[in-house]
């Protein structure tokens, strides 16, 4: 479940900026690249879901959310959201449209609504489904003789999500202001190695820096934080460094 921040402001000035068209077209285009994903788009809310919970569908969900986050930040449209897992009820027909309801929908909404950043987090239900997720996203040294592109392809999930020890949330009784979990990394979908991933993150940081002074409502100001990403740098041949 993803939510566009400051949506009412975009509606007011849409006759000049066509921001709404860009938002809708971007969401639809990215969803179309992932046939296993289903989409419900209503106003400022985007719901992406799958009918399976295997590794392939999970990877498609991560890829779609990662590229959508990057694409909307590039258009300077702030987005926040959460990815959850679980069984739900779905009704789909021509007269009433598509309706989904269930625990993962509620969980995703609850976490998304509390986030105080531009970004997408992984909800606890996903961690229960994939208990080895940390090992999958931990990036080690590139094996000798393996190209940067091959290493990236074999550990690509590590370029889509990373551990995040300070996910900012709205404070309330008994809950800390920061959570420890996993966050989606914004990527352009065109990166061939981890150096390309870092380049995409830097692009997002530049757009976020321009967006921050334009955020004239306090809720948006609290949410426009810079994307942070821990990078391990390993020197090769004493003169070349590669981000992994």
C-alpha atoms as a PDB file:
ATOM      1  CA  UNK A   1       0.000   0.000   0.000  1.00  0.00           C
ATOM      2  CA  UNK A   2       1.486   3.308  -1.155  1.00  0.00           C
ATOM      3  CA  UNK A   3       0.347   6.851  -0.459  1.00  0.00           C
ATOM      4  CA  UNK A   4       1.210  10.076  -2.311  1.00  0.00           C
ATOM      5  CA  UNK A   5       1.971  12.902   0.119  1.00  0.00           C
ATOM      6  CA  UNK A   6       0.529  16.364  -0.433  1.00  0.00           C
ATOM      7  CA  UNK A   7      -1.934  15.016  -2.984  1.00  0.00           C
ATOM      8  CA  UNK A   8      -4.522  17.787  -2.502  1.00  0.00           C
ATOM      9  CA  UNK A   9      -1.909  20.365  -3.495  1.00  0.00           C
ATOM     10  CA  UNK A  10      -1.254  18.498  -6.752  1.00  0.00           C
ATOM     11  CA  UNK A  11      -4.989  18.440  -7.504  1.00  0.00           C
ATOM     12  CA  UNK A  12      -5.255  22.225  -7.007  1.00  0.00           C
ATOM     13  CA  UNK A  13      -2.400  23.031  -9.395  1.00  0.00           C
ATOM     14  CA  UNK A  14      -2.923  20.170 -11.837  1.00  0.00           C
ATOM     15  CA  UNK A  15      -4.301  22.431 -14.551  1.00  0.00           C
ATOM     16  CA  UNK A  16      -0.801  23.863 -14.875  1.00  0.00           C
ATOM     17  CA  UNK A  17       1.594  21.060 -13.999  1.00  0.00           C
ATOM     18  CA  UNK A  18      -0.194  17.912 -15.222  1.00  0.00           C
ATOM     19  CA  UNK A  19       1.243  16.191 -12.152  1.00  0.00           C
ATOM     20  CA  UNK A  20      -1.784  13.934 -11.848  1.00  0.00           C
ATOM     21  CA  UNK A  21      -1.307  12.609 -15.379  1.00  0.00           C
ATOM     22  CA  UNK A  22       2.338  11.895 -14.669  1.00  0.00           C
ATOM     23  CA  UNK A  23       1.431  10.097 -11.444  1.00  0.00           C
ATOM     24  CA  UNK A  24      -1.253   7.877 -12.997  1.00  0.00           C
ATOM     25  CA  UNK A  25       0.763   7.102 -16.132  1.00  0.00           C
ATOM     26  CA  UNK A  26       3.855   6.203 -14.113  1.00  0.00           C
ATOM     27  CA  UNK A  27       1.985   3.813 -11.807  1.00  0.00           C
ATOM     28  CA  UNK A  28       0.244   2.099 -14.742  1.00  0.00           C
ATOM     29  CA  UNK A  29       3.428   1.776 -16.797  1.00  0.00           C
ATOM     30  CA  UNK A  30       5.414   0.160 -13.993  1.00  0.00           C
ATOM     31  CA  UNK A  31       2.605  -2.212 -13.088  1.00  0.00           C
ATOM     32  CA  UNK A  32       2.345  -3.318 -16.742  1.00  0.00           C
ATOM     33  CA  UNK A  33       5.952  -4.510 -16.616  1.00  0.00           C
ATOM     34  CA  UNK A  34       5.026  -7.036 -13.908  1.00  0.00           C
ATOM     35  CA  UNK A  35       2.117  -9.189 -15.096  1.00  0.00           C
ATOM     36  CA  UNK A  36       1.786 -11.088 -11.810  1.00  0.00           C
ATOM     37  CA  UNK A  37       0.959  -7.856  -9.959  1.00  0.00           C
ATOM     38  CA  UNK A  38      -2.602  -6.568  -9.617  1.00  0.00           C
ATOM     39  CA  UNK A  39      -3.365  -2.883  -9.170  1.00  0.00           C
ATOM     40  CA  UNK A  40      -5.987  -0.776  -7.456  1.00  0.00           C
ATOM     41  CA  UNK A  41      -5.468   2.973  -7.879  1.00  0.00           C
ATOM     42  CA  UNK A  42      -7.759   5.353  -6.011  1.00  0.00           C
ATOM     43  CA  UNK A  43      -6.897   9.026  -5.649  1.00  0.00           C
ATOM     44  CA  UNK A  44      -3.629   9.194  -3.661  1.00  0.00           C
ATOM     45  CA  UNK A  45      -3.598   5.496  -2.728  1.00  0.00           C
ATOM     46  CA  UNK A  46      -1.895   2.738  -4.722  1.00  0.00           C
ATOM     47  CA  UNK A  47      -2.504  -0.901  -3.812  1.00  0.00           C
ATOM     48  CA  UNK A  48      -0.321  -3.511  -5.508  1.00  0.00           C
ATOM     49  CA  UNK A  49      -0.930  -7.163  -4.697  1.00  0.00           C
ATOM     50  CA  UNK A  50      -0.185 -10.681  -5.905  1.00  0.00           C
ATOM     51  CA  UNK A  51      -2.167 -13.906  -5.785  1.00  0.00           C
ATOM     52  CA  UNK A  52       0.913 -15.953  -4.838  1.00  0.00           C
ATOM     53  CA  UNK A  53       3.562 -15.551  -2.172  1.00  0.00           C
ATOM     54  CA  UNK A  54       6.530 -17.322  -3.726  1.00  0.00           C
ATOM     55  CA  UNK A  55      10.018 -15.864  -4.160  1.00  0.00           C
ATOM     56  CA  UNK A  56       9.351 -14.765  -7.745  1.00  0.00           C
ATOM     57  CA  UNK A  57       6.246 -12.739  -6.897  1.00  0.00           C
ATOM     58  CA  UNK A  58       8.036 -11.218  -3.906  1.00  0.00           C
ATOM     59  CA  UNK A  59      10.898 -10.161  -6.182  1.00  0.00           C
ATOM     60  CA  UNK A  60       8.446  -8.638  -8.667  1.00  0.00           C
ATOM     61  CA  UNK A  61       6.739  -6.719  -5.862  1.00  0.00           C
ATOM     62  CA  UNK A  62      10.071  -5.376  -4.627  1.00  0.00           C
ATOM     63  CA  UNK A  63      11.162  -4.421  -8.133  1.00  0.00           C
ATOM     64  CA  UNK A  64       7.887  -2.619  -8.869  1.00  0.00           C
ATOM     65  CA  UNK A  65       7.957  -0.701  -5.571  1.00  0.00           C
ATOM     66  CA  UNK A  66      11.623   0.167  -6.000  1.00  0.00           C
ATOM     67  CA  UNK A  67      11.219   1.530  -9.532  1.00  0.00           C
ATOM     68  CA  UNK A  68       7.949   3.308  -8.673  1.00  0.00           C
ATOM     69  CA  UNK A  69       9.562   5.028  -5.686  1.00  0.00           C
ATOM     70  CA  UNK A  70      12.473   6.164  -7.859  1.00  0.00           C
ATOM     71  CA  UNK A  71      10.252   7.263 -10.759  1.00  0.00           C
ATOM     72  CA  UNK A  72       7.924   9.375  -8.607  1.00  0.00           C
ATOM     73  CA  UNK A  73      10.777  10.967  -6.666  1.00  0.00           C
ATOM     74  CA  UNK A  74      12.315  11.806 -10.058  1.00  0.00           C
ATOM     75  CA  UNK A  75       9.046  13.590 -10.890  1.00  0.00           C
ATOM     76  CA  UNK A  76       9.233  15.159  -7.418  1.00  0.00           C
ATOM     77  CA  UNK A  77       6.097  13.377  -6.235  1.00  0.00           C
ATOM     78  CA  UNK A  78       6.678  12.205  -2.632  1.00  0.00           C
ATOM     79  CA  UNK A  79       5.594   8.665  -1.774  1.00  0.00           C
ATOM     80  CA  UNK A  80       5.496   6.531   1.339  1.00  0.00           C
ATOM     81  CA  UNK A  81       4.256   2.989   1.845  1.00  0.00           C
ATOM     82  CA  UNK A  82       4.546  -0.474   3.366  1.00  0.00           C
ATOM     83  CA  UNK A  83       4.667  -4.035   2.007  1.00  0.00           C
ATOM     84  CA  UNK A  84       2.798  -6.705   3.989  1.00  0.00           C
ATOM     85  CA  UNK A  85       1.974 -10.417   3.599  1.00  0.00           C
ATOM     86  CA  UNK A  86      -1.040 -12.564   4.311  1.00  0.00           C
ATOM     87  CA  UNK A  87      -4.346 -13.954   3.107  1.00  0.00           C
ATOM     88  CA  UNK A  88      -7.094 -11.586   2.000  1.00  0.00           C
ATOM     89  CA  UNK A  89     -10.503 -11.641   0.366  1.00  0.00           C
ATOM     90  CA  UNK A  90     -10.882 -10.337  -3.169  1.00  0.00           C
ATOM     91  CA  UNK A  91     -14.001  -9.601  -5.198  1.00  0.00           C
ATOM     92  CA  UNK A  92     -13.633  -8.569  -8.818  1.00  0.00           C
ATOM     93  CA  UNK A  93     -16.409  -7.997 -11.357  1.00  0.00           C
ATOM     94  CA  UNK A  94     -17.467  -5.476 -13.978  1.00  0.00           C
ATOM     95  CA  UNK A  95     -20.245  -3.871 -11.929  1.00  0.00           C
ATOM     96  CA  UNK A  96     -18.632  -3.285  -8.544  1.00  0.00           C
ATOM     97  CA  UNK A  97     -14.972  -3.155  -9.525  1.00  0.00           C
ATOM     98  CA  UNK A  98     -12.257  -4.772  -7.407  1.00  0.00           C
ATOM     99  CA  UNK A  99     -12.563  -4.960  -3.641  1.00  0.00           C
ATOM    100  CA  UNK A 100      -9.912  -6.445  -1.351  1.00  0.00           C
ATOM    101  CA  UNK A 101      -9.994  -6.776   2.421  1.00  0.00           C
ATOM    102  CA  UNK A 102      -8.016  -8.602   5.066  1.00  0.00           C
ATOM    103  CA  UNK A 103      -5.295  -8.481   7.686  1.00  0.00           C
ATOM    104  CA  UNK A 104      -2.382  -7.603   5.346  1.00  0.00           C
ATOM    105  CA  UNK A 105      -4.350  -4.643   3.961  1.00  0.00           C
ATOM    106  CA  UNK A 106      -4.904  -3.317   7.487  1.00  0.00           C
ATOM    107  CA  UNK A 107      -1.289  -3.940   8.487  1.00  0.00           C
ATOM    108  CA  UNK A 108       0.113  -2.165   5.433  1.00  0.00           C
ATOM    109  CA  UNK A 109      -2.186   0.809   6.025  1.00  0.00           C
ATOM    110  CA  UNK A 110      -1.296   1.056   9.715  1.00  0.00           C
ATOM    111  CA  UNK A 111       2.434   1.106   9.072  1.00  0.00           C
ATOM    112  CA  UNK A 112       2.200   3.375   6.031  1.00  0.00           C
ATOM    113  CA  UNK A 113       0.110   5.917   7.943  1.00  0.00           C
ATOM    114  CA  UNK A 114       2.695   6.143  10.744  1.00  0.00           C
ATOM    115  CA  UNK A 115       5.738   6.671   8.526  1.00  0.00           C
ATOM    116  CA  UNK A 116       7.466  10.032   8.726  1.00  0.00           C
ATOM    117  CA  UNK A 117       9.587   9.796   5.616  1.00  0.00           C
ATOM    118  CA  UNK A 118       9.528   9.398   1.874  1.00  0.00           C
ATOM    119  CA  UNK A 119      10.099   5.682   1.416  1.00  0.00           C
ATOM    120  CA  UNK A 120       8.656   2.168   1.637  1.00  0.00           C
ATOM    121  CA  UNK A 121       9.204  -0.223   4.543  1.00  0.00           C
ATOM    122  CA  UNK A 122       8.788  -3.998   4.903  1.00  0.00           C
ATOM    123  CA  UNK A 123       6.080  -4.889   7.451  1.00  0.00           C
ATOM    124  CA  UNK A 124       6.661  -7.615  10.093  1.00  0.00           C
ATOM    125  CA  UNK A 125       4.369 -10.106   8.333  1.00  0.00           C
ATOM    126  CA  UNK A 126       6.815 -10.246   5.396  1.00  0.00           C
ATOM    127  CA  UNK A 127       9.682 -10.972   7.773  1.00  0.00           C
ATOM    128  CA  UNK A 128       7.706 -13.886   9.192  1.00  0.00           C
ATOM    129  CA  UNK A 129       7.140 -15.210   5.665  1.00  0.00           C
ATOM    130  CA  UNK A 130      10.823 -14.789   4.727  1.00  0.00           C
ATOM    131  CA  UNK A 131      12.747 -15.330   7.997  1.00  0.00           C
ATOM    132  CA  UNK A 132      16.052 -15.512   6.101  1.00  0.00           C
ATOM    133  CA  UNK A 133      15.560 -12.130   4.461  1.00  0.00           C
ATOM    134  CA  UNK A 134      18.547 -10.557   6.205  1.00  0.00           C
ATOM    135  CA  UNK A 135      20.913 -13.154   4.772  1.00  0.00           C
ATOM    136  CA  UNK A 136      19.476 -12.575   1.295  1.00  0.00           C
ATOM    137  CA  UNK A 137      20.179  -8.848   1.344  1.00  0.00           C
ATOM    138  CA  UNK A 138      23.557  -8.965   3.071  1.00  0.00           C
ATOM    139  CA  UNK A 139      26.170  -8.187   0.462  1.00  0.00           C
ATOM    140  CA  UNK A 140      29.538  -9.915   0.769  1.00  0.00           C
ATOM    141  CA  UNK A 141      32.732  -9.684  -1.201  1.00  0.00           C
ATOM    142  CA  UNK A 142      32.392 -10.359  -4.910  1.00  0.00           C
ATOM    143  CA  UNK A 143      33.805 -13.805  -5.690  1.00  0.00           C
ATOM    144  CA  UNK A 144      37.096 -13.744  -7.555  1.00  0.00           C
ATOM    145  CA  UNK A 145      36.591 -14.087 -11.293  1.00  0.00           C
ATOM    146  CA  UNK A 146      32.950 -12.932 -11.127  1.00  0.00           C
ATOM    147  CA  UNK A 147      32.038  -9.795 -13.055  1.00  0.00           C
ATOM    148  CA  UNK A 148      30.242  -6.928 -11.332  1.00  0.00           C
ATOM    149  CA  UNK A 149      27.235  -7.553 -13.566  1.00  0.00           C
ATOM    150  CA  UNK A 150      27.067 -11.279 -12.751  1.00  0.00           C
ATOM    151  CA  UNK A 151      27.461 -10.610  -9.040  1.00  0.00           C
ATOM    152  CA  UNK A 152      24.674  -8.040  -9.195  1.00  0.00           C
ATOM    153  CA  UNK A 153      22.362 -10.475 -10.995  1.00  0.00           C
ATOM    154  CA  UNK A 154      22.979 -13.215  -8.410  1.00  0.00           C
ATOM    155  CA  UNK A 155      22.294 -10.944  -5.428  1.00  0.00           C
ATOM    156  CA  UNK A 156      19.921  -8.423  -6.966  1.00  0.00           C
ATOM    157  CA  UNK A 157      17.497  -8.473  -4.043  1.00  0.00           C
ATOM    158  CA  UNK A 158      20.267  -6.755  -2.091  1.00  0.00           C
ATOM    159  CA  UNK A 159      19.948  -3.825  -4.468  1.00  0.00           C
ATOM    160  CA  UNK A 160      16.185  -3.587  -3.872  1.00  0.00           C
ATOM    161  CA  UNK A 161      15.931  -3.663  -0.077  1.00  0.00           C
ATOM    162  CA  UNK A 162      18.372  -3.066   2.744  1.00  0.00           C
ATOM    163  CA  UNK A 163      18.283  -3.135   6.522  1.00  0.00           C
ATOM    164  CA  UNK A 164      17.383   0.207   8.080  1.00  0.00           C
ATOM    165  CA  UNK A 165      17.838   0.745  11.820  1.00  0.00           C
ATOM    166  CA  UNK A 166      16.075   4.107  12.013  1.00  0.00           C
ATOM    167  CA  UNK A 167      12.740   4.097  10.200  1.00  0.00           C
ATOM    168  CA  UNK A 168      11.018   7.279  11.459  1.00  0.00           C
ATOM    169  CA  UNK A 169       7.409   6.849  12.579  1.00  0.00           C
ATOM    170  CA  UNK A 170       4.842   9.028  14.304  1.00  0.00           C
ATOM    171  CA  UNK A 171       5.373   8.662  18.063  1.00  0.00           C
ATOM    172  CA  UNK A 172       2.554   7.557  20.302  1.00  0.00           C
ATOM    173  CA  UNK A 173       2.156   5.830  23.676  1.00  0.00           C
ATOM    174  CA  UNK A 174       4.450   2.855  24.087  1.00  0.00           C
ATOM    175  CA  UNK A 175       5.943   3.031  20.573  1.00  0.00           C
ATOM    176  CA  UNK A 176       9.405   4.344  19.756  1.00  0.00           C
ATOM    177  CA  UNK A 177       9.850   7.132  17.232  1.00  0.00           C
ATOM    178  CA  UNK A 178      12.154   4.943  15.140  1.00  0.00           C
ATOM    179  CA  UNK A 179      11.742   1.326  14.079  1.00  0.00           C
ATOM    180  CA  UNK A 180      14.360  -1.177  12.985  1.00  0.00           C
ATOM    181  CA  UNK A 181      13.514  -3.126   9.854  1.00  0.00           C
ATOM    182  CA  UNK A 182      14.022  -3.131   6.101  1.00  0.00           C
ATOM    183  CA  UNK A 183      13.470  -0.391   3.542  1.00  0.00           C
ATOM    184  CA  UNK A 184      13.017  -0.450  -0.217  1.00  0.00           C
ATOM    185  CA  UNK A 185      15.903   1.081  -2.159  1.00  0.00           C
ATOM    186  CA  UNK A 186      14.798   3.425  -4.986  1.00  0.00           C
ATOM    187  CA  UNK A 187      16.217   2.185  -8.298  1.00  0.00           C
ATOM    188  CA  UNK A 188      15.683   3.184 -11.898  1.00  0.00           C
ATOM    189  CA  UNK A 189      15.339  -0.413 -13.084  1.00  0.00           C
ATOM    190  CA  UNK A 190      18.217   0.135 -15.500  1.00  0.00           C
ATOM    191  CA  UNK A 191      21.149  -0.555 -13.169  1.00  0.00           C
ATOM    192  CA  UNK A 192      23.485  -3.324 -14.332  1.00  0.00           C
ATOM    193  CA  UNK A 193      25.625  -3.355 -11.183  1.00  0.00           C
ATOM    194  CA  UNK A 194      25.648  -1.905  -7.678  1.00  0.00           C
ATOM    195  CA  UNK A 195      27.484   1.168  -8.882  1.00  0.00           C
ATOM    196  CA  UNK A 196      24.342   1.920 -10.910  1.00  0.00           C
ATOM    197  CA  UNK A 197      22.202   1.457  -7.796  1.00  0.00           C
ATOM    198  CA  UNK A 198      24.294   4.009  -5.912  1.00  0.00           C
ATOM    199  CA  UNK A 199      23.962   6.424  -8.842  1.00  0.00           C
ATOM    200  CA  UNK A 200      20.153   6.080  -8.677  1.00  0.00           C
ATOM    201  CA  UNK A 201      20.142   6.779  -4.944  1.00  0.00           C
ATOM    202  CA  UNK A 202      22.226   9.905  -5.464  1.00  0.00           C
ATOM    203  CA  UNK A 203      19.737  11.077  -8.103  1.00  0.00           C
ATOM    204  CA  UNK A 204      16.900  10.629  -5.603  1.00  0.00           C
ATOM    205  CA  UNK A 205      18.829  12.586  -2.973  1.00  0.00           C
ATOM    206  CA  UNK A 206      19.212  15.487  -5.405  1.00  0.00           C
ATOM    207  CA  UNK A 207      15.478  15.552  -6.112  1.00  0.00           C
ATOM    208  CA  UNK A 208      14.627  15.318  -2.411  1.00  0.00           C
ATOM    209  CA  UNK A 209      16.920  18.260  -1.713  1.00  0.00           C
ATOM    210  CA  UNK A 210      14.977  20.355  -4.228  1.00  0.00           C
ATOM    211  CA  UNK A 211      11.617  19.163  -2.907  1.00  0.00           C
ATOM    212  CA  UNK A 212      12.274  20.037   0.721  1.00  0.00           C
ATOM    213  CA  UNK A 213      12.114  23.867   0.413  1.00  0.00           C
ATOM    214  CA  UNK A 214       8.891  23.532  -1.613  1.00  0.00           C
ATOM    215  CA  UNK A 215       7.080  21.513   1.057  1.00  0.00           C
ATOM    216  CA  UNK A 216       4.870  24.202   2.563  1.00  0.00           C
ATOM    217  CA  UNK A 217       2.743  21.931   4.788  1.00  0.00           C
ATOM    218  CA  UNK A 218       4.203  20.618   8.067  1.00  0.00           C
ATOM    219  CA  UNK A 219       3.269  16.945   7.421  1.00  0.00           C
ATOM    220  CA  UNK A 220       5.230  17.000   4.159  1.00  0.00           C
ATOM    221  CA  UNK A 221       8.144  18.800   5.762  1.00  0.00           C
ATOM    222  CA  UNK A 222       8.386  16.062   8.356  1.00  0.00           C
ATOM    223  CA  UNK A 223       8.397  13.467   5.590  1.00  0.00           C
ATOM    224  CA  UNK A 224      10.963  14.867   3.181  1.00  0.00           C
ATOM    225  CA  UNK A 225      14.027  13.118   4.564  1.00  0.00           C
ATOM    226  CA  UNK A 226      17.043  12.208   2.518  1.00  0.00           C
ATOM    227  CA  UNK A 227      17.466   8.635   1.416  1.00  0.00           C
ATOM    228  CA  UNK A 228      20.348   7.013   3.274  1.00  0.00           C
ATOM    229  CA  UNK A 229      22.065   3.836   2.130  1.00  0.00           C
ATOM    230  CA  UNK A 230      25.059   2.150   3.692  1.00  0.00           C
ATOM    231  CA  UNK A 231      27.723   1.366   1.117  1.00  0.00           C
ATOM    232  CA  UNK A 232      30.671  -0.931   1.616  1.00  0.00           C
ATOM    233  CA  UNK A 233      33.592   0.091  -0.567  1.00  0.00           C
ATOM    234  CA  UNK A 234      36.296  -2.410  -1.463  1.00  0.00           C
ATOM    235  CA  UNK A 235      39.439  -1.325  -3.295  1.00  0.00           C
ATOM    236  CA  UNK A 236      40.598  -3.404  -6.177  1.00  0.00           C
ATOM    237  CA  UNK A 237      44.040  -3.334  -7.838  1.00  0.00           C
ATOM    238  CA  UNK A 238      44.978  -0.489  -5.470  1.00  0.00           C
ATOM    239  CA  UNK A 239      43.377   2.117  -7.741  1.00  0.00           C
ATOM    240  CA  UNK A 240      39.799   1.035  -8.372  1.00  0.00           C
ATOM    241  CA  UNK A 241      36.968   1.030  -5.846  1.00  0.00           C
ATOM    242  CA  UNK A 242      33.658  -0.685  -6.411  1.00  0.00           C
ATOM    243  CA  UNK A 243      30.548  -0.133  -4.326  1.00  0.00           C
ATOM    244  CA  UNK A 244      28.925  -3.452  -3.439  1.00  0.00           C
END
